[in-house]
Protein backbone atom coordinates (compact mmCIF):
# COMPACT_ATOMS: atom_id res chain seq x y z
CA MET A 1 -2.82 -12.56 -20.85
CA GLY A 2 -5.14 -10.43 -18.77
CA ASP A 3 -7.07 -7.27 -19.43
CA ILE A 4 -5.58 -3.82 -19.00
CA LYS A 5 -7.80 -1.33 -17.19
CA ASN A 6 -6.06 1.91 -16.26
CA LEU A 7 -7.95 4.02 -13.75
CA THR A 8 -7.77 7.74 -13.12
CA ARG A 9 -8.59 10.11 -10.27
CA ASP A 10 -11.72 9.07 -8.33
CA GLU A 11 -11.81 5.52 -9.74
CA ALA A 12 -8.09 5.10 -9.06
CA ILE A 13 -8.40 6.35 -5.46
CA ALA A 14 -11.43 4.10 -4.82
CA LYS A 15 -9.53 1.10 -6.20
CA MET A 16 -6.49 1.96 -4.09
CA LYS A 17 -8.64 2.21 -0.93
CA ASN A 18 -10.28 -1.12 -1.75
CA LEU A 19 -6.95 -2.89 -2.29
CA VAL A 20 -5.42 -1.42 0.89
CA ASP A 21 -8.51 -2.51 2.88
CA GLY A 22 -8.29 -6.00 1.34
CA ALA A 23 -4.66 -6.30 2.42
CA SER A 24 -5.74 -5.58 6.03
CA HIS A 25 -3.98 -2.22 5.76
CA ILE A 26 -0.58 -3.94 5.99
CA CYS A 27 2.12 -3.31 3.40
CA MET A 28 5.81 -3.85 2.97
CA PHE A 29 7.15 -0.31 3.28
CA CYS A 30 10.40 -0.03 1.31
CA THR A 31 13.03 2.69 1.65
CA LYS A 32 16.39 3.14 -0.06
CA VAL A 33 14.61 1.93 -3.21
CA MET A 34 17.43 3.11 -5.47
CA ASP A 35 19.97 1.00 -3.55
CA MET A 36 20.43 -2.72 -3.53
CA PRO A 37 19.44 -4.19 -1.30
CA PHE A 38 16.63 -1.80 -0.45
CA LYS A 39 15.15 -1.81 3.06
CA SER A 40 11.72 -3.24 3.69
CA ARG A 41 9.51 -3.68 6.74
CA PRO A 42 5.80 -4.34 7.36
CA MET A 43 3.80 -1.26 8.34
CA GLY A 44 0.14 -0.61 8.99
CA THR A 45 -1.58 1.94 6.81
CA GLN A 46 -3.65 4.42 8.81
CA LYS A 47 -5.62 5.73 5.85
CA VAL A 48 -5.75 6.51 2.16
CA ASP A 49 -7.03 10.06 1.90
CA ASP A 50 -9.30 11.54 -0.76
CA GLU A 51 -6.26 12.74 -2.75
CA GLY A 52 -4.75 9.23 -2.89
CA ASN A 53 -2.05 9.94 -0.30
CA ILE A 54 -1.24 7.04 2.01
CA TRP A 55 -0.64 7.75 5.71
CA PHE A 56 1.27 5.90 8.44
CA LEU A 57 2.23 6.44 12.06
CA SER A 58 5.91 5.97 12.83
CA ALA A 59 8.52 6.47 15.53
CA ALA A 60 10.38 9.71 14.87
CA ASP A 61 13.67 8.02 15.78
CA SER A 62 13.07 4.94 13.60
CA GLU A 63 15.50 3.70 10.98
CA HIS A 64 12.97 4.23 8.19
CA ASN A 65 12.34 7.85 9.22
CA ALA A 66 16.11 8.41 9.09
CA GLU A 67 16.26 6.79 5.64
CA ILE A 68 13.36 8.96 4.40
CA ALA A 69 15.21 12.07 5.61
CA ILE A 70 18.10 11.12 3.30
CA ASP A 71 16.05 9.87 0.31
CA ASN A 72 12.27 10.25 0.40
CA ARG A 73 11.51 7.85 -2.48
CA VAL A 74 9.57 4.85 -1.19
CA GLN A 75 7.73 1.82 -2.48
CA LEU A 76 4.70 0.20 -0.85
CA LEU A 77 3.76 -3.40 -1.60
CA TYR A 78 0.25 -4.62 -0.71
CA ASN A 79 -0.99 -8.19 -1.09
CA ASN A 80 -4.35 -9.78 -0.42
CA PRO A 81 -3.62 -13.45 -1.17
CA GLY A 82 -7.15 -14.52 -0.26
CA ALA A 83 -8.49 -12.57 -3.22
CA SER A 84 -5.39 -12.62 -5.46
CA GLU A 85 -5.11 -8.82 -5.33
CA PHE A 86 -1.85 -6.89 -5.47
CA LEU A 87 -0.89 -3.22 -5.39
CA ILE A 88 2.48 -1.55 -5.80
CA VAL A 89 2.85 2.16 -5.03
CA ASN A 90 5.92 4.24 -5.84
CA GLY A 91 5.93 7.62 -4.21
CA THR A 92 7.62 10.21 -2.07
CA ALA A 93 7.40 10.25 1.71
CA GLN A 94 7.14 13.26 3.96
CA ILE A 95 7.54 13.08 7.75
CA SER A 96 5.27 15.21 9.91
CA THR A 97 5.10 15.85 13.64
CA ASP A 98 1.96 17.97 13.32
CA ARG A 99 -0.16 17.07 16.36
CA ALA A 100 -3.49 17.62 14.54
CA THR A 101 -2.44 15.14 11.83
CA ILE A 102 -1.31 12.61 14.43
CA ASP A 103 -4.61 13.03 16.32
CA GLU A 104 -6.53 12.38 13.11
CA LEU A 105 -4.52 9.23 12.31
CA TRP A 106 -4.42 7.84 15.86
CA ASN A 107 -6.28 4.63 16.64
CA PRO A 108 -6.22 2.43 19.78
CA MET A 109 -4.14 -0.30 18.06
CA ALA A 110 -1.24 2.15 17.69
CA LYS A 111 -0.83 2.08 21.46
CA ALA A 112 0.96 -1.28 21.05
CA TRP A 113 3.87 0.66 19.48
CA PHE A 114 3.37 3.93 21.33
CA PRO A 115 2.48 3.13 24.97
CA GLU A 116 2.33 6.82 25.88
CA GLY A 117 -0.54 7.23 23.41
CA LYS A 118 -1.02 9.90 20.80
CA ASP A 119 0.91 12.40 22.92
CA ASP A 120 4.09 10.29 22.73
CA PRO A 121 6.87 12.76 21.85
CA ASN A 122 8.46 10.12 19.58
CA LEU A 123 5.35 9.79 17.42
CA SER A 124 5.39 11.05 13.84
CA ALA A 125 3.25 10.64 10.74
CA ILE A 126 4.42 9.67 7.27
CA LYS A 127 2.53 10.87 4.22
CA VAL A 128 3.28 9.02 0.98
CA THR A 129 2.34 10.97 -2.12
CA THR A 130 1.73 8.54 -4.94
CA ASP A 131 3.81 8.97 -8.10
CA ILE A 132 3.10 5.71 -9.93
CA SER A 133 0.81 2.85 -8.87
CA HIS A 134 0.00 -0.46 -10.51
CA TYR A 135 -2.52 -3.11 -9.49
CA TRP A 136 -3.27 -6.72 -10.36
CA ASP A 137 -6.66 -8.25 -9.64
CA THR A 138 -8.86 -11.15 -10.68
CA LYS A 139 -11.80 -10.63 -12.99
CA TYR A 140 -14.11 -13.05 -11.22
CA GLY A 141 -12.90 -13.62 -7.66
CA LYS A 142 -10.71 -16.33 -6.20
CA ALA A 143 -12.97 -19.40 -6.56
CA VAL A 144 -13.75 -18.81 -10.24
CA THR A 145 -10.11 -17.90 -10.90
CA LEU A 146 -8.89 -21.20 -9.42
CA LEU A 147 -11.40 -23.07 -11.57
CA ALA A 148 -10.26 -21.12 -14.66
CA ILE A 149 -6.60 -21.96 -13.92
CA ALA A 150 -7.44 -25.65 -13.56
CA THR A 151 -9.49 -25.61 -16.77
CA ALA A 152 -6.67 -23.89 -18.66
CA ALA A 153 -4.16 -26.44 -17.36
CA VAL A 154 -6.34 -29.39 -18.45
CA THR A 155 -7.31 -27.97 -21.86
CA GLY A 156 -3.95 -26.40 -22.67
CA GLN A 157 -5.58 -23.02 -23.23
CA GLN A 158 -3.96 -19.86 -21.94
CA PHE A 159 -5.26 -18.63 -18.59
CA ASP A 160 -7.07 -15.28 -18.87
CA ALA A 161 -8.85 -14.24 -15.71
CA GLY A 162 -6.81 -11.24 -14.54
CA VAL A 163 -7.01 -7.52 -14.84
CA GLU A 164 -4.27 -5.01 -14.19
CA GLY A 165 -3.58 -1.39 -14.76
CA LYS A 166 -2.08 1.88 -13.69
CA LEU A 167 -3.70 4.00 -11.01
CA SER A 168 -3.33 7.72 -11.69
CA THR A 169 -4.43 9.76 -8.69
């Protein structure tokens, strides 16, 4: 059993930014979350803003943009296995073709998907407004956690090195 540490506003947003950075900005972006099977694909996060919104660049004609147009509920799954950190975000997605927003989010790596650059007419942005988020983390880092798991296994004691909680932005 781990500790529960719910975070609100500034602490929650800082934790979210830290977990997204730790996951190398890559998440499994899930659409059609009310259907089984839901749709999932890896996507690179462009930024977590100061309000806790999560931003992506996307092709306007992509399957996931079409799915968002029908049902904008999404789920984002982040994982940093090297540090045993996990984040799940449930939220609503909004598609934007605002050029100023796209300019702000643009980075040179995006050119791999959009060879015409930030002026590509097929380029859009997705803003995910967080509804409910939950995180799981270690209390002491990976090395100490692995030692604690081994000790618990040898001694028969229950493992207790984790912390989790809700993030309310």
